[in-house]
N, C-alpha and C. Protein backbone atom coordinates (compact mmCIF):
# COMPACT_ATOMS: atom_id res chain seq x y z
N MET A 1 68.84 45.79 38.44
CA MET A 1 68.15 44.73 38.79
C MET A 1 68.66 43.99 40.08
N GLN A 2 67.76 43.87 41.02
CA GLN A 2 68.26 42.93 41.92
C GLN A 2 68.22 41.17 41.56
N ILE A 3 68.82 40.78 42.19
CA ILE A 3 68.73 39.17 42.05
C ILE A 3 67.15 38.55 41.90
N ARG A 4 66.40 38.85 43.10
CA ARG A 4 65.55 38.22 43.26
C ARG A 4 64.42 38.60 41.77
N TRP A 5 64.55 39.83 41.47
CA TRP A 5 63.91 40.06 39.85
C TRP A 5 64.49 39.39 39.04
N LYS A 6 65.63 38.85 38.85
CA LYS A 6 66.12 38.57 37.62
C LYS A 6 65.92 37.07 37.94
N ILE A 7 65.88 36.35 38.92
CA ILE A 7 65.69 35.01 39.16
C ILE A 7 64.17 34.86 38.59
N LYS A 8 63.20 35.78 39.22
CA LYS A 8 61.82 35.56 38.77
C LYS A 8 61.70 35.90 37.02
N GLU A 9 62.45 36.88 36.84
CA GLU A 9 62.32 37.24 35.15
C GLU A 9 62.73 35.72 34.39
N ILE A 10 63.81 35.16 34.50
CA ILE A 10 64.57 34.13 33.89
C ILE A 10 63.45 32.84 34.13
N ARG A 11 62.96 32.59 35.12
CA ARG A 11 62.24 31.60 35.57
C ARG A 11 60.63 31.54 34.76
N LYS A 12 60.61 32.85 34.65
CA LYS A 12 59.05 32.90 33.97
C LYS A 12 59.43 32.80 32.44
N GLU A 13 60.71 33.37 32.12
CA GLU A 13 60.73 33.54 30.32
C GLU A 13 61.09 31.96 30.00
N LYS A 14 61.16 30.91 31.01
CA LYS A 14 61.73 29.62 30.97
C LYS A 14 60.84 28.83 31.08
N GLY A 15 59.27 29.46 31.46
CA GLY A 15 57.94 28.74 31.54
C GLY A 15 58.21 27.74 33.18
N ILE A 16 59.10 28.03 33.81
CA ILE A 16 58.94 27.16 34.99
C ILE A 16 58.49 27.61 36.50
N SER A 17 57.58 26.94 37.14
CA SER A 17 57.18 27.59 38.32
C SER A 17 57.92 27.42 39.32
N GLN A 18 57.63 28.08 40.50
CA GLN A 18 58.52 27.97 41.56
C GLN A 18 58.54 26.79 42.10
N LEU A 19 57.41 25.81 42.03
CA LEU A 19 57.30 24.53 42.55
C LEU A 19 58.42 23.82 41.39
N GLY A 20 58.53 24.06 39.96
CA GLY A 20 59.29 23.25 39.13
C GLY A 20 60.86 23.46 39.49
N LEU A 21 61.03 24.84 39.85
CA LEU A 21 62.37 25.04 39.88
C LEU A 21 62.96 24.68 41.25
N SER A 22 61.96 24.47 42.35
CA SER A 22 62.17 23.95 43.61
C SER A 22 62.78 22.26 43.07
N LYS A 23 62.16 21.75 42.26
CA LYS A 23 62.15 20.52 41.98
C LYS A 23 63.53 20.20 41.48
N LEU A 24 63.84 21.25 40.30
CA LEU A 24 65.20 21.12 39.50
C LEU A 24 66.31 21.41 40.42
N SER A 25 66.28 22.68 41.56
CA SER A 25 67.53 22.81 42.11
C SER A 25 67.57 22.31 43.32
N GLY A 26 66.55 21.63 43.84
CA GLY A 26 66.65 21.12 45.40
C GLY A 26 66.74 22.10 46.64
N VAL A 27 66.05 23.45 46.05
CA VAL A 27 65.81 24.46 46.83
C VAL A 27 64.32 24.52 47.35
N CYS A 28 64.13 24.71 48.56
CA CYS A 28 62.78 24.49 49.00
C CYS A 28 61.82 25.88 48.17
N LYS A 29 60.47 25.22 48.04
CA LYS A 29 59.80 26.26 47.14
C LYS A 29 59.47 27.46 48.05
N SER A 30 59.46 27.30 49.28
CA SER A 30 58.96 28.30 50.20
C SER A 30 60.22 29.50 50.10
N ASN A 31 61.18 28.80 50.06
CA ASN A 31 62.53 29.66 50.03
C ASN A 31 62.84 30.43 48.55
N ILE A 32 62.34 29.62 47.54
CA ILE A 32 62.33 30.20 46.01
C ILE A 32 61.38 31.52 46.27
N GLY A 33 60.32 31.25 47.04
CA GLY A 33 59.50 32.22 47.02
C GLY A 33 59.65 33.63 47.53
N ALA A 34 60.33 33.11 49.01
CA ALA A 34 61.16 34.24 49.43
C ALA A 34 61.82 34.92 49.05
N ILE A 35 63.01 34.46 48.22
CA ILE A 35 63.87 35.30 47.55
C ILE A 35 63.22 36.15 46.57
N GLU A 36 62.22 35.45 45.81
CA GLU A 36 61.62 36.17 44.66
C GLU A 36 60.68 37.58 45.43
N ILE A 37 60.41 37.35 46.27
CA ILE A 37 59.52 38.72 47.09
C ILE A 37 60.25 39.39 47.64
N GLY A 38 61.59 39.14 48.33
CA GLY A 38 62.25 39.97 48.97
C GLY A 38 62.55 39.56 50.51
N VAL A 39 61.60 38.52 50.98
CA VAL A 39 61.50 38.23 52.16
C VAL A 39 62.88 37.70 52.77
N ILE A 40 63.51 37.08 51.94
CA ILE A 40 65.23 36.52 52.18
C ILE A 40 65.70 37.52 51.28
N LYS A 41 66.41 38.46 52.13
CA LYS A 41 67.18 39.59 51.17
C LYS A 41 68.65 39.03 50.80
N LYS A 42 69.20 38.45 51.67
CA LYS A 42 70.60 37.65 50.99
C LYS A 42 70.51 36.18 51.34
N PRO A 43 69.90 35.74 49.87
CA PRO A 43 69.87 34.17 50.06
C PRO A 43 71.63 33.68 49.89
N SER A 44 71.72 32.29 50.31
CA SER A 44 72.96 32.03 50.50
C SER A 44 73.42 31.46 49.06
N PHE A 45 74.76 31.63 48.77
CA PHE A 45 75.48 31.52 47.75
C PHE A 45 74.88 30.18 47.12
N ILE A 46 74.97 29.38 48.16
CA ILE A 46 74.61 27.81 47.49
C ILE A 46 73.38 27.76 47.07
N ASP A 47 72.46 28.29 47.32
CA ASP A 47 71.03 28.42 47.20
C ASP A 47 70.92 28.98 45.47
N ILE A 48 71.66 30.22 45.43
CA ILE A 48 72.06 31.02 44.22
C ILE A 48 72.66 29.99 43.03
N LEU A 49 73.37 29.09 43.69
CA LEU A 49 74.25 28.45 42.41
C LEU A 49 73.33 27.42 42.16
N ARG A 50 72.42 26.49 42.94
CA ARG A 50 71.58 25.68 42.75
C ARG A 50 70.67 26.17 41.64
N ILE A 51 69.83 27.27 41.86
CA ILE A 51 69.06 27.80 41.37
C ILE A 51 69.36 28.47 39.91
N ALA A 52 70.71 28.68 39.63
CA ALA A 52 71.36 29.27 38.37
C ALA A 52 71.52 27.77 37.58
N LYS A 53 72.10 26.69 38.44
CA LYS A 53 72.54 25.19 37.49
C LYS A 53 70.78 25.02 37.08
N ALA A 54 69.94 25.17 37.87
CA ALA A 54 68.62 24.46 37.33
C ALA A 54 67.96 25.70 36.14
N LEU A 55 68.26 26.77 36.12
CA LEU A 55 67.81 27.57 34.87
C LEU A 55 68.71 27.59 33.93
N LYS A 56 69.57 26.74 33.90
CA LYS A 56 70.84 26.55 32.91
C LYS A 56 71.37 27.74 32.50
N ILE A 57 71.85 28.69 33.60
CA ILE A 57 72.82 29.82 33.26
C ILE A 57 73.90 29.84 34.19
N GLU A 58 74.79 30.82 33.85
CA GLU A 58 76.02 31.03 34.74
C GLU A 58 75.55 31.83 35.92
N ILE A 59 76.14 31.55 37.12
CA ILE A 59 75.71 32.59 37.85
C ILE A 59 76.15 33.89 37.85
N ASN A 60 76.99 34.10 37.46
CA ASN A 60 77.33 35.84 36.87
C ASN A 60 76.10 36.21 36.18
N GLU A 61 75.51 35.79 35.61
CA GLU A 61 74.09 36.23 34.90
C GLU A 61 73.26 36.98 35.67
N LEU A 62 73.23 36.03 37.12
CA LEU A 62 72.27 36.80 38.50
C LEU A 62 73.05 38.11 39.12
N TYR A 63 74.40 38.08 38.97
CA TYR A 63 75.09 39.08 39.74
C TYR A 63 75.58 40.00 39.07
N GLU A 64 75.47 40.24 37.58
CA GLU A 64 75.98 41.10 36.63
C GLU A 64 75.62 42.29 36.65
N GLU A 65 74.33 42.35 36.67
CA GLU A 65 73.75 43.72 36.71
C GLU A 65 73.85 44.64 38.26
N VAL A 66 73.42 43.58 39.27
CA VAL A 66 73.95 44.03 40.66
C VAL A 66 75.06 44.83 40.74
N ILE A 67 76.02 44.14 40.37
CA ILE A 67 77.45 44.49 40.55
C ILE A 67 77.70 45.65 39.98
N ASP A 68 77.08 45.76 38.49
CA ASP A 68 77.35 46.90 37.89
C ASP A 68 76.45 48.11 38.43
N THR A 69 75.52 47.85 38.81
CA THR A 69 74.35 48.92 39.52
C THR A 69 75.24 49.72 40.57
N SER A 70 75.62 48.62 41.64
CA SER A 70 76.07 48.98 42.59
C SER A 70 77.65 49.82 42.49
N LEU A 71 78.35 49.69 41.69
CA LEU A 71 79.68 50.44 41.33
C LEU A 71 79.15 51.63 40.49
N LEU A 72 78.35 51.44 39.83
CA LEU A 72 77.88 53.28 39.22
C LEU A 72 77.31 54.12 40.49
N GLU A 73 76.62 53.57 41.60
CA GLU A 73 76.19 54.20 42.49
C GLU A 73 77.13 54.76 43.51
N LYS A 74 78.43 54.09 43.77
CA LYS A 74 79.30 54.54 44.72
C LYS A 74 80.14 55.55 44.06
N ARG A 75 80.23 55.64 42.57
CA ARG A 75 81.07 56.60 42.02
C ARG A 75 80.19 57.91 42.21
N LYS A 76 78.75 58.07 42.19
CA LYS A 76 78.34 59.20 42.37
C LYS A 76 78.46 60.09 43.37
């Protein structure tokens, strides 16, 4: 699962809007939207860190599946 989908999934599970996440994280709403739809393909580490803190999750929760998937694909 890509980070953008993971962010959106967790945000929705927690009942937080993009505007709410923006206010909690300090990342502008347009960037959150752009990350979630894939316009920003490589979001900055600081934005990801701020988003993770706002969602009250460890940052590795966003990267875990991305890293595992990429490792599996390289082994094929």
